Amino acid sequence: MPNRRTVLTAAATLALPAMSATAAAPAKEMPHLPWTRQAVIYQINVRQFSPEGTFKAVQSDLQRLKRLGVDILWLMPIQPIGKLNRKGTLGSYYSISDYTAVNPEFGTLADAKALVAAAHQLGFKVILDWVANHTAWDHGWATAHKDWYKLNAKGEIYAVTFNQGQPSEEHWDDVVALNYKAPGLRTAMIDAMKFWVRETGLDGFRCDVASLVPTDFWVRARKELDAIKPMFMLAESDAIDLHTSGAFDMTYSWDLADQVFKKIGKGEAGAPLLREWLAKQPAGYPAHAYRMRFTSNHDFNSWHGTDADLYGDAYPALAVLSFTLPGMPLIYNGQESRLTKKLEFFEKDAIDWKTYELSEFYASLAALKHQHPALAAGQYGAPVKLVDSPPDIVAFERRLDQDLVRVAVNLSRTEQAWQGLKLRPWGWQLS
């Protein structure tokens, strides 16, 4: 266990109060599985995780991930990638040609089962990235069930298109969109999801562009999957109805990452913007809604930039906030080694793990998350109460019964004083 006194504070000694065994009563609207409530999620890009890019290579690193303190392993799509209109040499993980097969680049179905079994033995939960909105052009359904796809005026399957006919028209040329008006498609898609739960014992799914798929489909899918095994469901969306419908446990908090963290990292804003954002919470979300807090993920890293590109010296302070604000924090693979490159999306581009220099930093934040009921997600944790502080510092506390966590973060490039402490530039104090 790393020394939290030296890792978690950037300006002063960290004091950890005694833990409370009492958590807030679950909201009636939607309870969540106990193992999710104080969890940390970790995203794995199998192709880039190691030089081998295989399930076996991920499995060999599970003990290290256990020491890192993460709880839920999110595997990016592991199915075969379409060849027709493929992007780059290896293609996008999100262009799937067979929902119930394994990408041979990663190994076999037996290897996938072994990875999940080994993860479960160590106490991890495993969720799989699921692409329900579209398939590769050469998925078997495109030939056998043309009516399961969206068709153009000529009755032809066409590339996924956004803002059709407008100057901002956008095409995903390697994939074609599914048509959820077709009852057969809905049954087949849920059957494919069930396949992975039954075959590997998965604990849930991260659902790609979830709001582009009808919510009533997700409600049905959740019900049928839960009948096999209680699921944890993460939506790549911030749509409130995905929570109120009961289909999903967690959605993306793009608002915090895009509208606050990025602006602070670029020097365009500081503590006042974060306080303004906090004052607007929960912004219509039900109390039971888990929000995923993050500084990076596969999209951010490959398309937007590295942590250094996006946040500069502010990065550790923003990571502290992602762990201490309400919600579930995400670590993208490689962040614990200060990932310094944008990983190629359609080619082989393995992570350079170097010295794992931020491992103790993340492990300490994960330990804090686990030890404090006040930091639980959704209805189980405590709300944020802002504490008076200088303009460049955001200070808040979260209290649940006898458990109190107080956070102060200097969101500026100059040293700041607060309650007898001196917080260095981008420094923080947790007590």
Protein backbone atom coordinates (compact mmCIF):
# COMPACT_ATOMS: atom_id res chain seq x y z
CA MET A 1 0.00 0.00 0.00
CA PRO A 2 1.57 3.33 -1.01
CA ASN A 3 2.09 6.06 1.55
CA ARG A 4 -0.96 8.26 1.12
CA ARG A 5 0.61 11.03 3.19
CA THR A 6 3.23 11.71 0.53
CA VAL A 7 1.17 10.83 -2.53
CA LEU A 8 -2.21 12.40 -1.95
CA THR A 9 -1.30 15.82 -0.75
CA ALA A 10 0.61 18.41 -2.70
CA ALA A 11 0.96 20.88 0.12
CA ALA A 12 0.28 19.43 3.55
CA THR A 13 -0.03 16.27 5.60
CA LEU A 14 -3.08 14.16 4.75
CA ALA A 15 -5.22 13.08 7.70
CA LEU A 16 -7.63 10.20 7.16
CA PRO A 17 -10.56 10.23 9.62
CA ALA A 18 -12.09 7.05 10.94
CA MET A 19 -14.36 5.25 8.51
CA SER A 20 -18.11 5.06 8.94
CA ALA A 21 -19.82 1.77 8.21
CA THR A 22 -23.09 3.48 7.44
CA ALA A 23 -23.98 4.58 3.91
CA ALA A 24 -26.96 6.49 2.63
CA ALA A 25 -30.09 4.44 2.00
CA PRO A 26 -30.55 3.51 -1.67
CA ALA A 27 -33.05 5.57 -3.59
CA LYS A 28 -36.24 3.74 -4.45
CA GLU A 29 -35.96 4.64 -8.12
CA MET A 30 -32.92 2.47 -8.92
CA PRO A 31 -30.57 0.60 -6.60
CA HIS A 32 -27.10 -0.28 -7.88
CA LEU A 33 -24.99 -3.38 -7.28
CA PRO A 34 -22.94 -3.06 -4.07
CA TRP A 35 -19.62 -3.56 -5.85
CA THR A 36 -20.22 -0.49 -8.02
CA ARG A 37 -20.79 2.04 -5.28
CA GLN A 38 -17.18 3.02 -4.47
CA ALA A 39 -15.59 1.56 -7.57
CA VAL A 40 -12.87 2.83 -9.89
CA ILE A 41 -13.17 1.87 -13.56
CA TYR A 42 -10.17 1.14 -15.82
CA GLN A 43 -10.37 1.12 -19.62
CA ILE A 44 -8.31 -1.45 -21.53
CA ASN A 45 -7.42 -1.05 -25.20
CA VAL A 46 -6.33 -4.65 -25.82
CA ARG A 47 -4.53 -3.87 -29.10
CA GLN A 48 -2.35 -1.16 -27.57
CA PHE A 49 -2.06 -2.49 -24.01
CA SER A 50 1.07 -4.48 -24.82
CA PRO A 51 3.44 -5.21 -27.72
CA GLU A 52 1.64 -8.53 -28.11
CA GLY A 53 -1.81 -6.92 -28.10
CA THR A 54 -3.49 -10.05 -26.76
CA PHE A 55 -5.85 -11.22 -24.01
CA LYS A 56 -2.99 -13.23 -22.52
CA ALA A 57 -0.84 -10.12 -22.21
CA VAL A 58 -3.64 -8.31 -20.37
CA GLN A 59 -4.12 -11.32 -18.11
CA SER A 60 -0.43 -11.34 -17.21
CA ASP A 61 -0.77 -7.75 -15.93
CA LEU A 62 -3.82 -8.25 -13.71
CA GLN A 63 -1.83 -8.38 -10.48
CA ARG A 64 -0.40 -4.95 -11.22
CA LEU A 65 -3.87 -3.58 -11.91
CA LYS A 66 -5.01 -5.06 -8.61
CA ARG A 67 -2.26 -3.14 -6.83
CA LEU A 68 -3.35 -0.01 -8.71
CA GLY A 69 -6.67 -0.31 -6.90
CA VAL A 70 -9.05 -0.44 -9.84
CA ASP A 71 -12.25 -2.47 -9.58
CA ILE A 72 -14.00 -2.63 -12.96
CA LEU A 73 -12.12 -3.53 -16.14
CA TRP A 74 -13.70 -2.12 -19.31
CA LEU A 75 -12.56 -3.99 -22.41
CA MET A 76 -12.88 -2.10 -25.68
CA PRO A 77 -14.62 -4.18 -28.41
CA ILE A 78 -13.00 -7.58 -28.87
CA GLN A 79 -14.95 -8.87 -31.89
CA PRO A 80 -13.62 -9.23 -35.47
CA ILE A 81 -13.23 -5.95 -37.38
CA GLY A 82 -14.76 -5.50 -40.82
CA LYS A 83 -12.46 -5.50 -43.87
CA LEU A 84 -14.72 -3.71 -46.37
CA ASN A 85 -14.05 0.06 -46.24
CA ARG A 86 -11.73 -0.52 -43.29
CA LYS A 87 -9.89 2.51 -41.96
CA GLY A 88 -6.13 2.15 -41.74
CA THR A 89 -4.35 -1.18 -41.64
CA LEU A 90 -6.17 -2.79 -38.72
CA GLY A 91 -9.47 -0.88 -38.68
CA SER A 92 -11.66 0.46 -35.91
CA TYR A 93 -12.69 -1.68 -32.97
CA TYR A 94 -16.15 -0.17 -33.44
CA SER A 95 -16.59 -1.66 -36.94
CA ILE A 96 -17.76 -5.14 -35.96
CA SER A 97 -18.25 -7.91 -38.50
CA ASP A 98 -19.48 -10.64 -36.11
CA TYR A 99 -20.96 -9.97 -32.68
CA THR A 100 -20.37 -13.47 -31.30
CA ALA A 101 -16.80 -14.07 -32.46
CA VAL A 102 -13.38 -12.92 -31.27
CA ASN A 103 -10.87 -10.77 -33.13
CA PRO A 104 -8.04 -13.23 -33.88
CA GLU A 105 -5.62 -10.33 -33.38
CA PHE A 106 -6.37 -10.66 -29.65
CA GLY A 107 -6.62 -14.44 -29.28
CA THR A 108 -9.42 -16.98 -29.08
CA LEU A 109 -12.74 -17.23 -27.27
CA ALA A 110 -11.00 -19.56 -24.82
CA ASP A 111 -8.43 -16.82 -24.16
CA ALA A 112 -11.20 -14.28 -23.55
CA LYS A 113 -12.89 -16.65 -21.11
CA ALA A 114 -9.59 -17.21 -19.32
CA LEU A 115 -9.02 -13.46 -18.98
CA VAL A 116 -12.45 -12.88 -17.45
CA ALA A 117 -12.08 -15.89 -15.14
CA ALA A 118 -8.66 -14.71 -13.95
CA ALA A 119 -10.01 -11.20 -13.38
CA HIS A 120 -12.92 -12.56 -11.36
CA GLN A 121 -10.56 -14.67 -9.26
CA LEU A 122 -8.70 -11.48 -8.29
CA GLY A 123 -11.94 -9.67 -7.42
CA PHE A 124 -12.33 -7.57 -10.56
CA LYS A 125 -15.56 -7.11 -12.47
CA VAL A 126 -15.39 -7.02 -16.28
CA ILE A 127 -17.56 -5.11 -18.74
CA LEU A 128 -17.42 -5.27 -22.54
CA ASP A 129 -17.75 -2.39 -24.97
CA TRP A 130 -20.90 -3.01 -27.04
CA VAL A 131 -21.60 -1.43 -30.45
CA ALA A 132 -25.35 -1.63 -31.04
CA ASN A 133 -25.82 1.36 -33.34
CA HIS A 134 -23.93 0.10 -36.38
CA THR A 135 -21.93 -2.78 -37.88
CA ALA A 136 -19.18 -3.21 -40.43
CA TRP A 137 -20.27 -3.23 -44.09
CA ASP A 138 -19.37 -6.93 -44.30
CA HIS A 139 -21.30 -8.09 -41.25
CA GLY A 140 -23.40 -11.11 -42.21
CA TRP A 141 -26.59 -9.27 -41.36
CA ALA A 142 -26.02 -6.80 -44.21
CA THR A 143 -26.63 -9.66 -46.65
CA ALA A 144 -29.09 -11.83 -44.74
CA HIS A 145 -31.19 -9.06 -43.19
CA LYS A 146 -30.97 -5.92 -45.29
CA ASP A 147 -34.17 -4.66 -43.62
CA TRP A 148 -32.26 -4.48 -40.32
CA TYR A 149 -30.31 -1.50 -41.70
CA LYS A 150 -31.14 2.10 -42.51
CA LEU A 151 -31.55 2.51 -46.28
CA ASN A 152 -31.23 5.51 -48.56
CA ALA A 153 -33.82 6.65 -51.13
CA LYS A 154 -32.55 3.97 -53.53
CA GLY A 155 -33.07 1.23 -50.97
CA GLU A 156 -29.34 0.84 -50.41
CA ILE A 157 -27.39 0.45 -47.19
CA TYR A 158 -25.19 3.49 -46.70
CA ALA A 159 -22.47 4.77 -44.38
CA VAL A 160 -23.47 6.21 -41.02
CA THR A 161 -24.18 9.88 -41.72
CA PHE A 162 -24.82 12.84 -39.46
CA ASN A 163 -26.35 16.21 -40.40
CA GLN A 164 -27.25 14.92 -43.84
CA GLY A 165 -27.46 17.65 -46.48
CA GLN A 166 -25.92 20.29 -44.18
CA PRO A 167 -22.48 21.92 -44.41
CA SER A 168 -21.52 20.02 -41.27
CA GLU A 169 -22.39 16.62 -42.78
CA GLU A 170 -20.21 13.89 -41.27
CA HIS A 171 -19.67 10.29 -42.43
CA TRP A 172 -18.40 7.24 -40.62
CA ASP A 173 -17.37 5.53 -43.83
CA ASP A 174 -16.43 2.16 -42.33
CA VAL A 175 -19.78 1.42 -40.66
CA VAL A 176 -23.48 1.20 -41.55
CA ALA A 177 -26.39 2.05 -39.25
CA LEU A 178 -28.90 -0.44 -37.88
CA ASN A 179 -32.66 0.12 -38.03
CA TYR A 180 -34.35 -0.58 -34.70
CA LYS A 181 -37.79 -0.53 -36.28
CA ALA A 182 -37.02 -4.13 -37.25
CA PRO A 183 -38.18 -6.45 -34.43
CA GLY A 184 -35.84 -9.20 -35.56
CA LEU A 185 -32.83 -6.97 -35.10
CA ARG A 186 -33.73 -6.22 -31.50
CA THR A 187 -33.98 -9.90 -30.61
CA ALA A 188 -30.77 -10.78 -32.44
CA MET A 189 -28.82 -7.97 -30.77
CA ILE A 190 -29.94 -8.96 -27.29
CA ASP A 191 -29.17 -12.61 -28.05
CA ALA A 192 -25.64 -11.57 -29.01
CA MET A 193 -25.22 -9.72 -25.73
CA LYS A 194 -26.54 -12.73 -23.84
CA PHE A 195 -23.95 -14.90 -25.61
CA TRP A 196 -21.10 -13.03 -23.95
CA VAL A 197 -22.70 -13.07 -20.51
CA ARG A 198 -23.34 -16.81 -20.69
CA GLU A 199 -20.02 -17.73 -22.31
CA THR A 200 -17.65 -15.56 -20.28
CA GLY A 201 -19.59 -14.42 -17.20
CA LEU A 202 -19.33 -10.72 -18.04
CA ASP A 203 -20.58 -8.30 -15.41
CA GLY A 204 -21.97 -5.64 -17.73
CA PHE A 205 -21.53 -3.53 -20.83
CA ARG A 206 -20.30 -0.11 -21.90
CA CYS A 207 -22.66 0.81 -24.72
CA ASP A 208 -21.24 2.86 -27.57
CA VAL A 209 -23.21 5.96 -28.74
CA ALA A 210 -26.07 4.68 -26.59
CA SER A 211 -28.39 7.62 -27.26
CA LEU A 212 -28.43 6.83 -31.00
CA VAL A 213 -30.23 3.58 -30.16
CA PRO A 214 -33.87 3.72 -28.95
CA THR A 215 -34.11 3.82 -25.16
CA ASP A 216 -36.85 1.21 -25.12
CA PHE A 217 -34.41 -1.24 -26.70
CA TRP A 218 -31.97 -0.70 -23.84
CA VAL A 219 -34.77 -1.14 -21.28
CA ARG A 220 -35.65 -4.50 -22.78
CA ALA A 221 -32.00 -5.53 -23.10
CA ARG A 222 -31.30 -4.63 -19.47
CA LYS A 223 -34.29 -6.62 -18.26
CA GLU A 224 -33.36 -9.74 -20.21
CA LEU A 225 -29.67 -9.54 -19.30
CA ASP A 226 -30.42 -9.01 -15.62
CA ALA A 227 -32.49 -12.20 -15.71
CA ILE A 228 -29.25 -14.07 -16.46
CA LYS A 229 -27.00 -12.10 -14.13
CA PRO A 230 -27.36 -8.64 -12.54
CA MET A 231 -25.60 -6.19 -14.85
CA PHE A 232 -23.69 -2.93 -14.56
CA MET A 233 -24.51 -0.75 -17.58
CA LEU A 234 -22.50 2.27 -18.73
CA ALA A 235 -23.82 4.44 -21.57
CA GLU A 236 -21.61 6.53 -23.81
CA SER A 237 -24.13 9.33 -23.53
CA ASP A 238 -25.26 12.01 -21.13
CA ALA A 239 -28.98 11.57 -21.86
CA ILE A 240 -31.02 11.80 -18.67
CA ASP A 241 -33.70 9.38 -19.91
CA LEU A 242 -31.14 6.57 -19.95
CA HIS A 243 -31.14 6.94 -16.16
CA THR A 244 -34.84 7.60 -15.55
CA SER A 245 -35.78 4.61 -17.72
CA GLY A 246 -33.70 2.30 -15.51
CA ALA A 247 -31.68 1.10 -18.51
CA PHE A 248 -28.29 2.37 -17.33
CA ASP A 249 -26.40 2.82 -14.10
CA MET A 250 -23.90 5.36 -15.40
CA THR A 251 -23.45 7.93 -18.18
CA TYR A 252 -20.53 10.06 -19.34
CA SER A 253 -19.83 13.37 -17.64
CA TRP A 254 -18.65 15.15 -20.79
CA ASP A 255 -19.77 18.42 -19.24
CA LEU A 256 -17.05 18.31 -16.60
CA ALA A 257 -14.32 17.13 -18.96
CA ASP A 258 -15.14 19.31 -21.98
CA GLN A 259 -16.61 22.43 -20.43
CA VAL A 260 -14.49 22.68 -17.30
CA PHE A 261 -11.34 20.55 -17.20
CA LYS A 262 -10.20 21.37 -20.74
CA LYS A 263 -10.71 25.10 -20.24
CA ILE A 264 -8.81 25.05 -16.97
CA GLY A 265 -6.01 23.05 -18.56
CA LYS A 266 -5.70 25.57 -21.40
CA GLY A 267 -5.62 28.48 -18.97
CA GLU A 268 -8.94 29.81 -20.26
CA ALA A 269 -10.65 29.40 -16.88
CA GLY A 270 -10.01 28.47 -13.28
CA ALA A 271 -11.68 27.87 -9.94
CA PRO A 272 -14.67 30.19 -10.63
CA LEU A 273 -15.75 28.03 -13.57
CA LEU A 274 -15.65 24.86 -11.49
CA ARG A 275 -17.64 26.53 -8.70
CA GLU A 276 -20.19 27.66 -11.29
CA TRP A 277 -20.41 24.10 -12.63
CA LEU A 278 -20.89 22.70 -9.13
CA ALA A 279 -23.67 25.19 -8.42
CA LYS A 280 -25.62 23.81 -11.38
CA GLN A 281 -25.52 20.20 -10.25
CA PRO A 282 -27.35 17.85 -10.48
CA ALA A 283 -28.75 19.55 -13.61
CA GLY A 284 -31.82 17.33 -13.89
CA TYR A 285 -30.18 13.98 -13.23
CA PRO A 286 -31.94 11.74 -10.68
CA ALA A 287 -30.16 11.14 -7.39
CA HIS A 288 -29.40 7.57 -8.39
CA ALA A 289 -27.52 8.55 -11.56
CA TYR A 290 -23.86 7.58 -11.58
CA ARG A 291 -21.75 9.97 -13.69
CA MET A 292 -18.39 8.84 -15.02
CA ARG A 293 -15.67 11.40 -14.25
CA PHE A 294 -12.55 11.33 -16.41
CA THR A 295 -9.62 13.24 -17.77
CA SER A 296 -9.03 10.84 -20.67
CA ASN A 297 -10.41 7.84 -22.55
CA HIS A 298 -9.75 6.30 -25.96
CA ASP A 299 -11.45 9.16 -27.81
CA PHE A 300 -9.80 11.90 -25.80
CA ASN A 301 -6.34 10.37 -26.12
CA SER A 302 -6.43 9.46 -29.82
CA TRP A 303 -8.35 12.46 -31.16
CA HIS A 304 -8.02 15.31 -28.66
CA GLY A 305 -4.56 14.88 -27.16
CA THR A 306 -2.53 13.49 -24.29
CA ASP A 307 -3.00 14.63 -20.71
CA ALA A 308 0.00 16.94 -21.18
CA ASP A 309 -1.54 18.36 -24.36
CA LEU A 310 -4.94 18.97 -22.78
CA TYR A 311 -4.08 19.96 -19.23
CA GLY A 312 -0.36 20.64 -18.86
CA ASP A 313 0.71 21.04 -15.24
CA ALA A 314 -2.93 21.11 -14.12
CA TYR A 315 -3.39 17.42 -14.86
CA PRO A 316 -2.81 15.88 -11.38
CA ALA A 317 -5.10 18.44 -9.73
CA LEU A 318 -7.87 17.62 -12.20
CA ALA A 319 -7.34 13.90 -11.60
CA VAL A 320 -7.81 14.51 -7.87
CA LEU A 321 -11.12 16.21 -8.63
CA SER A 322 -12.25 13.31 -10.83
CA PHE A 323 -11.83 11.00 -7.81
CA THR A 324 -13.36 13.24 -5.17
CA LEU A 325 -16.37 14.79 -6.93
CA PRO A 326 -19.57 12.69 -6.98
CA GLY A 327 -19.46 9.89 -9.52
CA MET A 328 -17.16 7.06 -10.60
CA PRO A 329 -13.60 7.88 -11.73
CA LEU A 330 -12.05 6.40 -14.86
CA ILE A 331 -8.40 5.64 -15.54
CA TYR A 332 -7.48 5.09 -19.19
CA ASN A 333 -4.74 2.50 -19.68
CA GLY A 334 -1.35 4.17 -19.68
CA GLN A 335 -2.29 7.17 -17.57
CA GLU A 336 -0.52 5.58 -14.62
CA SER A 337 2.66 5.78 -16.73
CA ARG A 338 1.95 9.37 -17.78
CA LEU A 339 0.95 8.35 -21.32
CA THR A 340 2.74 10.86 -23.53
CA LYS A 341 1.49 9.94 -27.00
CA LYS A 342 -1.79 9.85 -28.83
CA LEU A 343 -2.35 6.15 -29.52
CA GLU A 344 -3.04 5.41 -33.17
CA PHE A 345 -6.63 4.25 -33.55
CA PHE A 346 -6.42 2.13 -36.71
CA GLU A 347 -2.85 0.83 -36.38
CA LYS A 348 -0.70 -1.04 -33.89
CA ASP A 349 0.79 1.50 -31.47
CA ALA A 350 1.62 -0.07 -28.12
CA ILE A 351 1.70 1.91 -24.88
CA ASP A 352 5.18 2.73 -23.61
CA TRP A 353 4.78 1.83 -19.96
CA LYS A 354 8.13 3.33 -18.89
CA THR A 355 8.31 3.58 -15.09
CA TYR A 356 4.62 3.60 -14.07
CA GLU A 357 5.46 6.90 -12.38
CA LEU A 358 1.88 7.81 -11.44
CA SER A 359 0.92 4.39 -10.09
CA GLU A 360 1.21 5.40 -6.43
CA PHE A 361 -0.71 8.60 -7.11
CA TYR A 362 -3.63 6.69 -8.64
CA ALA A 363 -3.46 3.86 -6.10
CA SER A 364 -3.73 6.41 -3.29
CA LEU A 365 -6.74 8.08 -4.89
CA ALA A 366 -8.38 4.68 -5.37
CA ALA A 367 -7.71 3.82 -1.71
CA LEU A 368 -9.31 7.10 -0.66
CA LYS A 369 -12.35 6.30 -2.82
CA HIS A 370 -12.67 2.83 -1.29
CA GLN A 371 -12.21 3.91 2.31
CA HIS A 372 -14.66 6.79 2.43
CA PRO A 373 -18.41 6.13 2.14
CA ALA A 374 -18.86 9.87 1.63
CA LEU A 375 -17.13 9.49 -1.76
CA ALA A 376 -19.53 6.82 -3.03
CA ALA A 377 -21.35 7.41 -6.30
CA GLY A 378 -25.01 8.21 -6.85
CA GLN A 379 -27.39 8.12 -3.90
CA TYR A 380 -24.85 6.30 -1.73
CA GLY A 381 -22.36 9.13 -1.31
CA ALA A 382 -22.56 12.64 0.10
CA PRO A 383 -23.32 15.80 -1.86
CA VAL A 384 -20.73 18.51 -2.39
CA LYS A 385 -20.78 21.45 0.02
CA LEU A 386 -18.60 24.35 -1.08
CA VAL A 387 -16.33 25.87 1.57
CA ASP A 388 -15.25 29.51 1.55
CA SER A 389 -11.92 29.88 -0.17
CA PRO A 390 -9.84 32.38 -2.15
CA PRO A 391 -10.86 32.95 -5.78
CA ASP A 392 -8.23 30.58 -7.23
CA ILE A 393 -8.99 27.69 -4.87
CA VAL A 394 -11.96 25.35 -5.00
CA ALA A 395 -12.67 23.93 -1.57
CA PHE A 396 -15.50 21.58 -0.72
CA GLU A 397 -16.47 18.87 1.69
CA ARG A 398 -18.51 15.70 1.45
CA ARG A 399 -19.95 14.43 4.73
CA LEU A 400 -21.88 11.21 5.34
CA ASP A 401 -22.68 10.49 8.98
CA GLN A 402 -19.29 10.58 10.74
CA ASP A 403 -17.30 10.32 7.54
CA LEU A 404 -15.98 13.66 6.27
CA VAL A 405 -13.70 14.35 3.33
CA ARG A 406 -12.53 17.91 2.73
CA VAL A 407 -10.85 18.84 -0.55
CA ALA A 408 -9.00 22.02 -1.51
CA VAL A 409 -7.44 22.39 -4.97
CA ASN A 410 -5.42 25.32 -6.24
CA LEU A 411 -6.50 25.81 -9.86
CA SER A 412 -3.91 28.43 -10.69
CA ARG A 413 -0.25 28.76 -11.65
CA THR A 414 0.64 30.67 -8.49
CA GLU A 415 0.97 29.64 -4.86
CA GLN A 416 -2.19 30.24 -2.82
CA ALA A 417 -2.83 30.45 0.93
CA TRP A 418 -5.85 28.80 2.55
CA GLN A 419 -6.62 28.22 6.23
CA GLY A 420 -2.98 28.47 7.27
CA LEU A 421 -1.78 26.26 4.40
CA LYS A 422 0.22 27.19 1.35
CA LEU A 423 -0.96 25.37 -1.74
CA ARG A 424 1.64 25.29 -4.46
CA PRO A 425 0.60 25.95 -8.10
CA TRP A 426 -1.92 23.25 -9.06
CA GLY A 427 -1.55 21.80 -5.57
CA TRP A 428 -4.19 20.20 -3.38
CA GLN A 429 -4.91 19.23 0.19
CA LEU A 430 -7.21 16.42 1.33
CA SER A 431 -8.24 16.01 4.96
